[in-house]
């Protein structure tokens, strides 16, 4: 519910009703809404961590990994309310800190590993600065959530994320990497 509607718009009553339990029962397991948000954030992040690691391990190359990540992100952004990170940052500092740690450590390392792998394979340009581009990519994802930069009444959140992803990708791939990525995209569109 938080992902779909935003955190602020979901009340404890909404959560209890969705779970078909009483609010009293909900409070037996959670101290308050902030506790629910923190636990939900940790659960979502741990699930995503496993999904991203599985994609990395099951990919034959860096391009296949990015193709899988792209497909996963498209599905995630279909359901995600752009106010999610704003709500998390403004109203739930513990959950926000957990998210920042995940973003700045795990996601950064995943991107760094992917870029390193892609350069070694000849799929990414060998003149890129991996540290700079990994940090840039981490921040690109987050800026797309910023309503001041991309107001939701003017921009489709998913389209913004995918345009930024494509811009990043096509700025780093070699011609070999581009051809491979397009092959994976065609294969994935058939599935």
N, C-alpha and C. Protein backbone atom coordinates (compact mmCIF):
# COMPACT_ATOMS: atom_id res chain seq x y z
N UNK A 1 0.83 -1.20 0.00
CA UNK A 1 0.00 0.00 0.00
C UNK A 1 0.86 1.25 0.00
N UNK A 2 1.96 1.23 0.77
CA UNK A 2 2.85 2.39 0.81
C UNK A 2 3.44 2.67 -0.56
N UNK A 3 3.88 1.61 -1.24
CA UNK A 3 4.49 1.76 -2.56
C UNK A 3 3.47 2.30 -3.56
N UNK A 4 2.27 1.77 -3.52
CA UNK A 4 1.25 2.14 -4.50
C UNK A 4 0.66 3.52 -4.25
N UNK A 5 0.38 3.85 -2.98
CA UNK A 5 -0.35 5.08 -2.68
C UNK A 5 0.49 6.17 -2.03
N UNK A 6 1.71 5.84 -1.63
CA UNK A 6 2.52 6.78 -0.86
C UNK A 6 2.29 6.53 0.62
N UNK A 7 3.27 6.83 1.42
CA UNK A 7 3.21 6.50 2.84
C UNK A 7 2.20 7.38 3.57
N UNK A 8 2.24 8.63 3.29
CA UNK A 8 1.41 9.58 4.03
C UNK A 8 -0.08 9.33 3.82
N UNK A 9 -0.46 8.85 2.65
CA UNK A 9 -1.88 8.66 2.37
C UNK A 9 -2.45 7.36 2.93
N UNK A 10 -1.60 6.51 3.51
CA UNK A 10 -2.07 5.23 4.08
C UNK A 10 -2.10 5.35 5.60
N UNK A 11 -3.27 5.14 6.17
CA UNK A 11 -3.43 5.24 7.62
C UNK A 11 -3.34 3.86 8.27
N UNK A 12 -3.23 3.84 9.57
CA UNK A 12 -3.24 2.57 10.30
C UNK A 12 -4.58 1.87 10.10
N UNK A 13 -5.67 2.62 9.99
CA UNK A 13 -6.98 2.03 9.69
C UNK A 13 -6.94 1.33 8.33
N UNK A 14 -6.34 1.98 7.34
CA UNK A 14 -6.24 1.38 6.01
C UNK A 14 -5.46 0.07 6.06
N UNK A 15 -4.37 0.07 6.80
CA UNK A 15 -3.53 -1.12 6.92
C UNK A 15 -4.32 -2.25 7.59
N UNK A 16 -4.97 -1.93 8.69
CA UNK A 16 -5.77 -2.94 9.41
C UNK A 16 -6.88 -3.50 8.51
N UNK A 17 -7.59 -2.60 7.83
CA UNK A 17 -8.67 -3.05 6.93
C UNK A 17 -8.13 -3.93 5.82
N UNK A 18 -6.99 -3.55 5.24
CA UNK A 18 -6.39 -4.33 4.17
C UNK A 18 -5.99 -5.72 4.64
N UNK A 19 -5.55 -5.81 5.88
CA UNK A 19 -5.15 -7.10 6.44
C UNK A 19 -6.31 -7.87 7.06
N UNK A 20 -7.48 -7.23 7.07
CA UNK A 20 -8.68 -7.82 7.68
C UNK A 20 -8.46 -8.16 9.15
N UNK A 21 -7.82 -7.23 9.86
CA UNK A 21 -7.63 -7.36 11.29
C UNK A 21 -8.05 -6.05 11.95
N UNK A 22 -8.18 -6.09 13.25
CA UNK A 22 -8.52 -4.86 13.96
C UNK A 22 -7.27 -4.00 14.14
N UNK A 23 -7.50 -2.73 14.35
CA UNK A 23 -6.37 -1.83 14.61
C UNK A 23 -5.67 -2.24 15.91
N UNK A 24 -6.45 -2.72 16.86
CA UNK A 24 -5.88 -3.17 18.13
C UNK A 24 -4.90 -4.32 17.90
N UNK A 25 -5.27 -5.25 17.03
CA UNK A 25 -4.38 -6.37 16.70
C UNK A 25 -3.11 -5.85 16.02
N UNK A 26 -3.26 -4.89 15.13
CA UNK A 26 -2.11 -4.30 14.45
C UNK A 26 -1.13 -3.70 15.45
N UNK A 27 -1.68 -3.03 16.46
CA UNK A 27 -0.82 -2.41 17.48
C UNK A 27 -0.18 -3.43 18.43
N UNK A 28 -0.61 -4.67 18.40
CA UNK A 28 0.07 -5.72 19.16
C UNK A 28 1.42 -6.06 18.52
N UNK A 29 1.53 -5.81 17.23
CA UNK A 29 2.75 -6.16 16.49
C UNK A 29 3.63 -4.96 16.16
N UNK A 30 3.03 -3.79 16.11
CA UNK A 30 3.77 -2.58 15.75
C UNK A 30 3.47 -1.47 16.74
N UNK A 31 4.51 -0.74 17.11
CA UNK A 31 4.37 0.35 18.07
C UNK A 31 3.50 1.48 17.51
N UNK A 32 3.75 1.84 16.27
CA UNK A 32 3.03 2.94 15.63
C UNK A 32 3.26 2.85 14.12
N UNK A 33 2.75 3.82 13.38
CA UNK A 33 2.90 3.80 11.92
C UNK A 33 4.38 3.86 11.54
N UNK A 34 5.16 4.63 12.27
CA UNK A 34 6.58 4.73 11.97
C UNK A 34 7.24 3.35 12.05
N UNK A 35 6.84 2.54 13.01
CA UNK A 35 7.37 1.18 13.13
C UNK A 35 6.94 0.33 11.94
N UNK A 36 5.69 0.48 11.51
CA UNK A 36 5.21 -0.27 10.33
C UNK A 36 6.03 0.12 9.11
N UNK A 37 6.23 1.43 8.94
CA UNK A 37 7.00 1.92 7.78
C UNK A 37 8.43 1.39 7.83
N UNK A 38 9.05 1.43 9.00
CA UNK A 38 10.43 0.95 9.14
C UNK A 38 10.51 -0.54 8.81
N UNK A 39 9.60 -1.34 9.36
CA UNK A 39 9.61 -2.79 9.10
C UNK A 39 9.31 -3.09 7.63
N UNK A 40 8.36 -2.36 7.05
CA UNK A 40 8.03 -2.56 5.64
C UNK A 40 9.21 -2.18 4.75
N UNK A 41 9.87 -1.08 5.08
CA UNK A 41 11.03 -0.64 4.31
C UNK A 41 12.13 -1.69 4.35
N UNK A 42 12.41 -2.20 5.53
CA UNK A 42 13.45 -3.23 5.66
C UNK A 42 13.07 -4.48 4.87
N UNK A 43 11.81 -4.88 4.93
CA UNK A 43 11.37 -6.09 4.22
C UNK A 43 11.48 -5.90 2.70
N UNK A 44 11.05 -4.76 2.22
CA UNK A 44 11.11 -4.49 0.78
C UNK A 44 12.56 -4.45 0.31
N UNK A 45 13.40 -3.77 1.07
CA UNK A 45 14.82 -3.67 0.70
C UNK A 45 15.49 -5.04 0.69
N UNK A 46 15.21 -5.85 1.69
CA UNK A 46 15.82 -7.18 1.73
C UNK A 46 15.34 -8.04 0.57
N UNK A 47 14.07 -7.93 0.23
CA UNK A 47 13.54 -8.66 -0.93
C UNK A 47 14.22 -8.18 -2.20
N UNK A 48 14.30 -6.87 -2.39
CA UNK A 48 14.94 -6.30 -3.58
C UNK A 48 16.42 -6.70 -3.65
N UNK A 49 17.09 -6.71 -2.52
CA UNK A 49 18.50 -7.10 -2.47
C UNK A 49 18.66 -8.52 -3.04
N UNK A 50 17.81 -9.42 -2.62
CA UNK A 50 17.86 -10.79 -3.11
C UNK A 50 17.57 -10.88 -4.61
N UNK A 51 16.61 -10.11 -5.08
CA UNK A 51 16.26 -10.10 -6.50
C UNK A 51 17.44 -9.59 -7.33
N UNK A 52 18.05 -8.49 -6.89
CA UNK A 52 19.17 -7.92 -7.65
C UNK A 52 20.39 -8.85 -7.64
N UNK A 53 20.65 -9.49 -6.51
CA UNK A 53 21.78 -10.44 -6.45
C UNK A 53 21.53 -11.63 -7.36
N UNK A 54 20.31 -12.12 -7.40
CA UNK A 54 19.97 -13.25 -8.27
C UNK A 54 20.13 -12.86 -9.74
N UNK A 55 19.71 -11.64 -10.09
CA UNK A 55 19.88 -11.19 -11.48
C UNK A 55 21.36 -11.12 -11.84
N UNK A 56 22.16 -10.61 -10.91
CA UNK A 56 23.61 -10.51 -11.15
C UNK A 56 24.22 -11.89 -11.36
N UNK A 57 23.89 -12.82 -10.47
CA UNK A 57 24.49 -14.15 -10.52
C UNK A 57 24.01 -14.98 -11.71
N UNK A 58 22.79 -14.74 -12.17
CA UNK A 58 22.25 -15.55 -13.26
C UNK A 58 22.50 -14.96 -14.64
N UNK A 59 23.18 -13.83 -14.70
CA UNK A 59 23.41 -13.16 -15.98
C UNK A 59 24.74 -13.59 -16.59
N UNK A 60 24.72 -13.82 -17.88
CA UNK A 60 25.92 -14.24 -18.59
C UNK A 60 26.92 -13.11 -18.76
N UNK A 61 26.42 -11.86 -18.70
CA UNK A 61 27.28 -10.70 -18.89
C UNK A 61 26.62 -9.46 -18.28
N UNK A 62 27.35 -8.36 -18.28
CA UNK A 62 26.86 -7.12 -17.67
C UNK A 62 25.63 -6.58 -18.40
N UNK A 63 25.57 -6.77 -19.69
CA UNK A 63 24.43 -6.28 -20.48
C UNK A 63 23.17 -7.07 -20.13
N UNK A 64 23.29 -8.38 -20.02
CA UNK A 64 22.12 -9.17 -19.63
C UNK A 64 21.64 -8.75 -18.25
N UNK A 65 22.57 -8.51 -17.34
CA UNK A 65 22.19 -8.06 -16.00
C UNK A 65 21.42 -6.74 -16.08
N UNK A 66 21.93 -5.78 -16.85
CA UNK A 66 21.24 -4.50 -16.98
C UNK A 66 19.88 -4.66 -17.65
N UNK A 67 19.78 -5.56 -18.60
CA UNK A 67 18.50 -5.82 -19.26
C UNK A 67 17.49 -6.37 -18.25
N UNK A 68 17.95 -7.27 -17.41
CA UNK A 68 17.06 -7.81 -16.36
C UNK A 68 16.68 -6.73 -15.36
N UNK A 69 17.65 -5.91 -14.96
CA UNK A 69 17.37 -4.83 -14.02
C UNK A 69 16.38 -3.86 -14.64
N UNK A 70 16.55 -3.54 -15.91
CA UNK A 70 15.64 -2.64 -16.60
C UNK A 70 14.21 -3.17 -16.57
N UNK A 71 14.05 -4.44 -16.88
CA UNK A 71 12.71 -5.05 -16.84
C UNK A 71 12.11 -5.03 -15.44
N UNK A 72 12.94 -5.33 -14.46
CA UNK A 72 12.49 -5.31 -13.07
C UNK A 72 12.07 -3.90 -12.66
N UNK A 73 12.87 -2.91 -13.02
CA UNK A 73 12.54 -1.52 -12.68
C UNK A 73 11.25 -1.08 -13.36
N UNK A 74 11.06 -1.48 -14.60
CA UNK A 74 9.82 -1.12 -15.30
C UNK A 74 8.60 -1.63 -14.54
N UNK A 75 8.68 -2.87 -14.08
CA UNK A 75 7.56 -3.44 -13.32
C UNK A 75 7.38 -2.72 -11.98
N UNK A 76 8.50 -2.44 -11.31
CA UNK A 76 8.41 -1.75 -10.02
C UNK A 76 7.81 -0.35 -10.18
N UNK A 77 8.25 0.37 -11.21
CA UNK A 77 7.79 1.74 -11.38
C UNK A 77 6.34 1.81 -11.85
N UNK A 78 5.82 0.72 -12.41
CA UNK A 78 4.40 0.66 -12.77
C UNK A 78 3.52 0.85 -11.54
N UNK A 79 3.98 0.31 -10.42
CA UNK A 79 3.17 0.30 -9.19
C UNK A 79 3.58 1.37 -8.19
N UNK A 80 4.68 2.07 -8.44
CA UNK A 80 5.24 2.95 -7.41
C UNK A 80 4.71 4.37 -7.49
N UNK A 81 4.31 4.89 -6.34
CA UNK A 81 3.89 6.28 -6.23
C UNK A 81 5.15 7.14 -6.09
N UNK A 82 5.28 8.18 -6.92
CA UNK A 82 6.49 9.00 -6.86
C UNK A 82 6.70 9.72 -5.52
N UNK A 83 5.66 9.83 -4.72
CA UNK A 83 5.81 10.51 -3.42
C UNK A 83 6.44 9.60 -2.36
N UNK A 84 6.68 8.34 -2.70
CA UNK A 84 7.19 7.37 -1.73
C UNK A 84 8.46 7.85 -1.02
N UNK A 85 9.47 8.22 -1.77
CA UNK A 85 10.73 8.63 -1.13
C UNK A 85 10.59 9.97 -0.40
N UNK A 86 9.78 10.87 -0.93
CA UNK A 86 9.55 12.14 -0.24
C UNK A 86 8.93 11.88 1.13
N UNK A 87 7.89 11.05 1.16
CA UNK A 87 7.22 10.71 2.43
C UNK A 87 8.20 10.04 3.39
N UNK A 88 8.98 9.12 2.87
CA UNK A 88 9.95 8.41 3.71
C UNK A 88 10.95 9.39 4.32
N UNK A 89 11.47 10.28 3.51
CA UNK A 89 12.46 11.25 3.97
C UNK A 89 11.87 12.23 4.98
N UNK A 90 10.70 12.73 4.71
CA UNK A 90 10.13 13.79 5.53
C UNK A 90 9.55 13.28 6.85
N UNK A 91 8.94 12.11 6.83
CA UNK A 91 8.16 11.67 8.00
C UNK A 91 8.71 10.45 8.74
N UNK A 92 9.68 9.76 8.16
CA UNK A 92 10.13 8.50 8.77
C UNK A 92 11.65 8.40 8.72
N UNK A 93 12.34 9.12 9.60
CA UNK A 93 13.80 9.23 9.53
C UNK A 93 14.55 7.90 9.69
N UNK A 94 14.07 7.00 10.52
CA UNK A 94 14.76 5.71 10.69
C UNK A 94 14.70 4.89 9.41
N UNK A 95 13.52 4.83 8.81
CA UNK A 95 13.37 4.09 7.55
C UNK A 95 14.17 4.78 6.45
N UNK A 96 14.18 6.11 6.45
CA UNK A 96 14.95 6.86 5.46
C UNK A 96 16.44 6.54 5.57
N UNK A 97 16.96 6.48 6.78
CA UNK A 97 18.38 6.15 6.98
C UNK A 97 18.70 4.75 6.48
N UNK A 98 17.79 3.82 6.71
CA UNK A 98 17.98 2.45 6.23
C UNK A 98 18.01 2.43 4.70
N UNK A 99 17.09 3.18 4.08
CA UNK A 99 17.05 3.28 2.63
C UNK A 99 18.35 3.90 2.10
N UNK A 100 18.81 5.00 2.72
CA UNK A 100 20.04 5.66 2.28
C UNK A 100 21.25 4.72 2.35
N UNK A 101 21.32 3.95 3.42
CA UNK A 101 22.42 2.98 3.56
C UNK A 101 22.36 1.95 2.43
N UNK A 102 21.18 1.45 2.16
CA UNK A 102 20.98 0.49 1.07
C UNK A 102 21.40 1.11 -0.27
N UNK A 103 20.94 2.31 -0.53
CA UNK A 103 21.24 3.00 -1.79
C UNK A 103 22.73 3.29 -1.93
N UNK A 104 23.31 3.87 -0.89
CA UNK A 104 24.69 4.34 -0.97
C UNK A 104 25.73 3.24 -0.82
N UNK A 105 25.34 2.10 -0.30
CA UNK A 105 26.28 0.99 -0.16
C UNK A 105 25.95 -0.14 -1.14
N UNK A 106 24.80 -0.78 -0.96
CA UNK A 106 24.49 -1.95 -1.77
C UNK A 106 24.27 -1.60 -3.24
N UNK A 107 23.39 -0.66 -3.52
CA UNK A 107 23.09 -0.30 -4.91
C UNK A 107 24.34 0.26 -5.58
N UNK A 108 25.06 1.13 -4.88
CA UNK A 108 26.31 1.67 -5.42
C UNK A 108 27.27 0.54 -5.79
N UNK A 109 27.43 -0.44 -4.92
CA UNK A 109 28.34 -1.56 -5.18
C UNK A 109 27.86 -2.41 -6.34
N UNK A 110 26.56 -2.63 -6.44
CA UNK A 110 26.01 -3.40 -7.56
C UNK A 110 26.31 -2.70 -8.89
N UNK A 111 26.13 -1.40 -8.91
CA UNK A 111 26.40 -0.64 -10.14
C UNK A 111 27.89 -0.66 -10.46
N UNK A 112 28.71 -0.46 -9.44
CA UNK A 112 30.16 -0.49 -9.62
C UNK A 112 30.60 -1.84 -10.19
N UNK A 113 30.09 -2.92 -9.62
CA UNK A 113 30.44 -4.27 -10.10
C UNK A 113 30.00 -4.47 -11.55
N UNK A 114 28.79 -3.99 -11.87
CA UNK A 114 28.28 -4.14 -13.22
C UNK A 114 29.13 -3.35 -14.22
N UNK A 115 29.48 -2.12 -13.86
CA UNK A 115 30.31 -1.31 -14.76
C UNK A 115 31.68 -1.94 -14.96
N UNK A 116 32.27 -2.43 -13.89
CA UNK A 116 33.59 -3.07 -13.97
C UNK A 116 33.52 -4.30 -14.88
N UNK A 117 32.49 -5.10 -14.66
CA UNK A 117 32.30 -6.31 -15.48
C UNK A 117 32.11 -5.94 -16.95
N UNK A 118 31.28 -4.93 -17.20
CA UNK A 118 31.00 -4.53 -18.58
C UNK A 118 32.22 -4.00 -19.31
N UNK A 119 33.08 -3.27 -18.60
CA UNK A 119 34.32 -2.78 -19.21
C UNK A 119 35.22 -3.96 -19.56
N UNK A 120 35.37 -4.91 -18.63
CA UNK A 120 36.23 -6.09 -18.87
C UNK A 120 35.72 -6.91 -20.05
N UNK A 121 34.41 -6.96 -20.24
CA UNK A 121 33.82 -7.73 -21.33
C UNK A 121 33.88 -7.01 -22.68
N UNK A 122 34.19 -5.72 -22.63
CA UNK A 122 34.18 -4.92 -23.86
C UNK A 122 32.81 -4.41 -24.23
N UNK A 123 31.85 -4.55 -23.32
CA UNK A 123 30.49 -4.07 -23.57
C UNK A 123 30.29 -2.61 -23.17
N UNK A 124 31.13 -2.12 -22.27
CA UNK A 124 31.10 -0.72 -21.86
C UNK A 124 32.42 -0.07 -22.26
N UNK A 125 32.36 1.21 -22.53
CA UNK A 125 33.56 1.95 -22.92
C UNK A 125 34.63 1.80 -21.84
N UNK A 126 35.89 1.67 -22.26
CA UNK A 126 36.97 1.50 -21.29
C UNK A 126 37.50 2.82 -20.75
N UNK A 127 36.97 3.93 -21.23
CA UNK A 127 37.43 5.24 -20.76
C UNK A 127 36.50 5.86 -19.72
N UNK A 128 35.52 5.10 -19.24
CA UNK A 128 34.61 5.66 -18.23
C UNK A 128 35.25 5.63 -16.85
N UNK A 129 34.87 6.57 -16.02
CA UNK A 129 35.30 6.58 -14.62
C UNK A 129 34.19 5.89 -13.84
N UNK A 130 34.44 4.67 -13.45
CA UNK A 130 33.42 3.83 -12.82
C UNK A 130 32.88 4.45 -11.54
N UNK A 131 33.75 5.00 -10.72
CA UNK A 131 33.31 5.59 -9.45
C UNK A 131 32.35 6.76 -9.69
N UNK A 132 32.68 7.61 -10.64
CA UNK A 132 31.82 8.76 -10.94
C UNK A 132 30.48 8.29 -11.51
N UNK A 133 30.52 7.39 -12.47
CA UNK A 133 29.29 6.95 -13.12
C UNK A 133 28.40 6.12 -12.19
N UNK A 134 28.98 5.36 -11.30
CA UNK A 134 28.17 4.60 -10.33
C UNK A 134 27.44 5.57 -9.40
N UNK A 135 28.15 6.59 -8.92
CA UNK A 135 27.51 7.59 -8.06
C UNK A 135 26.44 8.36 -8.82
N UNK A 136 26.74 8.71 -10.07
CA UNK A 136 25.76 9.41 -10.89
C UNK A 136 24.49 8.59 -11.05
N UNK A 137 24.64 7.31 -11.36
CA UNK A 137 23.47 6.45 -11.57
C UNK A 137 22.64 6.32 -10.30
N UNK A 138 23.29 6.18 -9.17
CA UNK A 138 22.56 6.10 -7.90
C UNK A 138 21.71 7.36 -7.71
N UNK A 139 22.29 8.50 -7.98
CA UNK A 139 21.57 9.77 -7.78
C UNK A 139 20.54 10.02 -8.87
N UNK A 140 20.77 9.51 -10.07
CA UNK A 140 19.78 9.67 -11.14
C UNK A 140 18.45 9.03 -10.75
N UNK A 141 18.52 7.85 -10.18
CA UNK A 141 17.29 7.16 -9.77
C UNK A 141 16.53 8.03 -8.77
N UNK A 142 17.25 8.57 -7.81
CA UNK A 142 16.60 9.35 -6.76
C UNK A 142 16.03 10.67 -7.27
N UNK A 143 16.73 11.36 -8.17
CA UNK A 143 16.24 12.66 -8.63
C UNK A 143 14.93 12.53 -9.39
N UNK A 144 14.70 11.37 -9.98
CA UNK A 144 13.44 11.15 -10.69
C UNK A 144 12.24 11.15 -9.75
N UNK A 145 12.47 10.92 -8.47
CA UNK A 145 11.41 10.96 -7.48
C UNK A 145 11.11 12.39 -7.03
N UNK A 146 12.00 13.33 -7.32
CA UNK A 146 11.87 14.70 -6.83
C UNK A 146 10.76 15.43 -7.58
N UNK A 147 9.70 15.74 -6.88
CA UNK A 147 8.53 16.40 -7.49
C UNK A 147 8.84 17.83 -7.94
N UNK A 148 9.88 18.44 -7.38
CA UNK A 148 10.27 19.78 -7.83
C UNK A 148 10.91 19.71 -9.21
N UNK A 149 11.60 18.64 -9.49
CA UNK A 149 12.28 18.46 -10.77
C UNK A 149 11.32 17.87 -11.81
N UNK A 150 10.57 16.85 -11.42
CA UNK A 150 9.63 16.17 -12.31
C UNK A 150 8.24 16.11 -11.65
N UNK A 151 7.49 17.21 -11.68
CA UNK A 151 6.15 17.22 -11.06
C UNK A 151 5.26 16.15 -11.68
N UNK A 152 4.54 15.43 -10.82
CA UNK A 152 3.75 14.30 -11.33
C UNK A 152 2.59 14.72 -12.22
N UNK A 153 2.18 15.98 -12.16
CA UNK A 153 1.12 16.43 -13.06
C UNK A 153 1.66 16.76 -14.46
N UNK A 154 2.98 16.76 -14.60
CA UNK A 154 3.59 17.07 -15.90
C UNK A 154 4.37 15.89 -16.49
N UNK A 155 4.77 14.96 -15.65
CA UNK A 155 5.62 13.85 -16.11
C UNK A 155 5.09 12.52 -15.61
N UNK A 156 5.20 11.51 -16.47
CA UNK A 156 4.91 10.14 -16.07
C UNK A 156 6.15 9.58 -15.39
N UNK A 157 6.01 9.19 -14.15
CA UNK A 157 7.14 8.75 -13.33
C UNK A 157 7.92 7.62 -13.99
N UNK A 158 7.23 6.62 -14.49
CA UNK A 158 7.90 5.48 -15.12
C UNK A 158 8.66 5.93 -16.36
N UNK A 159 8.05 6.80 -17.17
CA UNK A 159 8.73 7.26 -18.37
C UNK A 159 10.01 8.04 -18.04
N UNK A 160 9.94 8.87 -17.00
CA UNK A 160 11.13 9.61 -16.58
C UNK A 160 12.24 8.64 -16.19
N UNK A 161 11.91 7.67 -15.36
CA UNK A 161 12.92 6.69 -14.93
C UNK A 161 13.52 5.95 -16.11
N UNK A 162 12.69 5.53 -17.05
CA UNK A 162 13.18 4.74 -18.18
C UNK A 162 14.00 5.61 -19.15
N UNK A 163 13.59 6.86 -19.34
CA UNK A 163 14.38 7.76 -20.19
C UNK A 163 15.77 7.98 -19.59
N UNK A 164 15.81 8.19 -18.29
CA UNK A 164 17.09 8.42 -17.61
C UNK A 164 17.95 7.16 -17.67
N UNK A 165 17.34 6.00 -17.48
CA UNK A 165 18.07 4.73 -17.57
C UNK A 165 18.67 4.56 -18.97
N UNK A 166 17.85 4.77 -20.01
CA UNK A 166 18.34 4.61 -21.38
C UNK A 166 19.46 5.60 -21.68
N UNK A 167 19.31 6.82 -21.22
CA UNK A 167 20.34 7.84 -21.44
C UNK A 167 21.66 7.40 -20.80
N UNK A 168 21.58 6.90 -19.57
CA UNK A 168 22.78 6.41 -18.88
C UNK A 168 23.41 5.26 -19.66
N UNK A 169 22.59 4.27 -19.98
CA UNK A 169 23.09 3.07 -20.64
C UNK A 169 23.75 3.39 -21.98
N UNK A 170 23.07 4.16 -22.81
CA UNK A 170 23.60 4.42 -24.15
C UNK A 170 24.80 5.36 -24.12
N UNK A 171 25.04 5.98 -22.99
CA UNK A 171 26.25 6.79 -22.83
C UNK A 171 27.48 5.97 -22.47
N UNK A 172 27.29 4.74 -22.04
CA UNK A 172 28.45 3.93 -21.60
C UNK A 172 28.73 2.72 -22.48
N UNK A 173 27.75 2.28 -23.28
CA UNK A 173 27.95 1.05 -24.04
C UNK A 173 28.83 1.27 -25.26
N UNK A 174 29.54 0.23 -25.63
CA UNK A 174 30.27 0.19 -26.89
C UNK A 174 29.26 -0.25 -27.96
N UNK A 175 29.66 -0.25 -29.21
CA UNK A 175 28.75 -0.73 -30.26
C UNK A 175 28.41 -2.20 -30.03
N UNK A 176 29.38 -2.97 -29.55
CA UNK A 176 29.15 -4.38 -29.20
C UNK A 176 28.10 -4.48 -28.10
N UNK A 177 28.25 -3.66 -27.05
CA UNK A 177 27.31 -3.66 -25.94
C UNK A 177 25.92 -3.21 -26.36
N UNK A 178 25.84 -2.23 -27.22
CA UNK A 178 24.54 -1.75 -27.70
C UNK A 178 23.81 -2.84 -28.47
N UNK A 179 24.51 -3.51 -29.36
CA UNK A 179 23.90 -4.60 -30.14
C UNK A 179 23.41 -5.71 -29.21
N UNK A 180 24.20 -6.03 -28.21
CA UNK A 180 23.82 -7.07 -27.25
C UNK A 180 22.59 -6.64 -26.45
N UNK A 181 22.56 -5.39 -26.00
CA UNK A 181 21.42 -4.88 -25.24
C UNK A 181 20.15 -4.93 -26.09
N UNK A 182 20.25 -4.51 -27.33
CA UNK A 182 19.08 -4.53 -28.22
C UNK A 182 18.59 -5.96 -28.44
N UNK A 183 19.52 -6.90 -28.51
CA UNK A 183 19.15 -8.31 -28.65
C UNK A 183 18.35 -8.78 -27.43
N UNK A 184 18.82 -8.41 -26.24
CA UNK A 184 18.11 -8.79 -25.02
C UNK A 184 16.75 -8.12 -24.95
N UNK A 185 16.66 -6.89 -25.38
CA UNK A 185 15.38 -6.16 -25.36
C UNK A 185 14.37 -6.84 -26.27
N UNK A 186 14.81 -7.26 -27.47
CA UNK A 186 13.92 -7.96 -28.41
C UNK A 186 13.49 -9.29 -27.80
N UNK A 187 14.44 -10.01 -27.21
CA UNK A 187 14.14 -11.30 -26.59
C UNK A 187 13.12 -11.12 -25.46
N UNK A 188 13.31 -10.09 -24.63
CA UNK A 188 12.41 -9.85 -23.50
C UNK A 188 11.03 -9.39 -23.95
N UNK A 189 10.95 -8.66 -25.06
CA UNK A 189 9.63 -8.20 -25.54
C UNK A 189 8.80 -9.34 -26.10
N UNK A 190 9.46 -10.41 -26.53
CA UNK A 190 8.77 -11.57 -27.06
C UNK A 190 8.18 -12.41 -25.93
N UNK A 191 8.85 -12.40 -24.77
CA UNK A 191 8.40 -13.23 -23.64
C UNK A 191 7.11 -12.81 -23.06
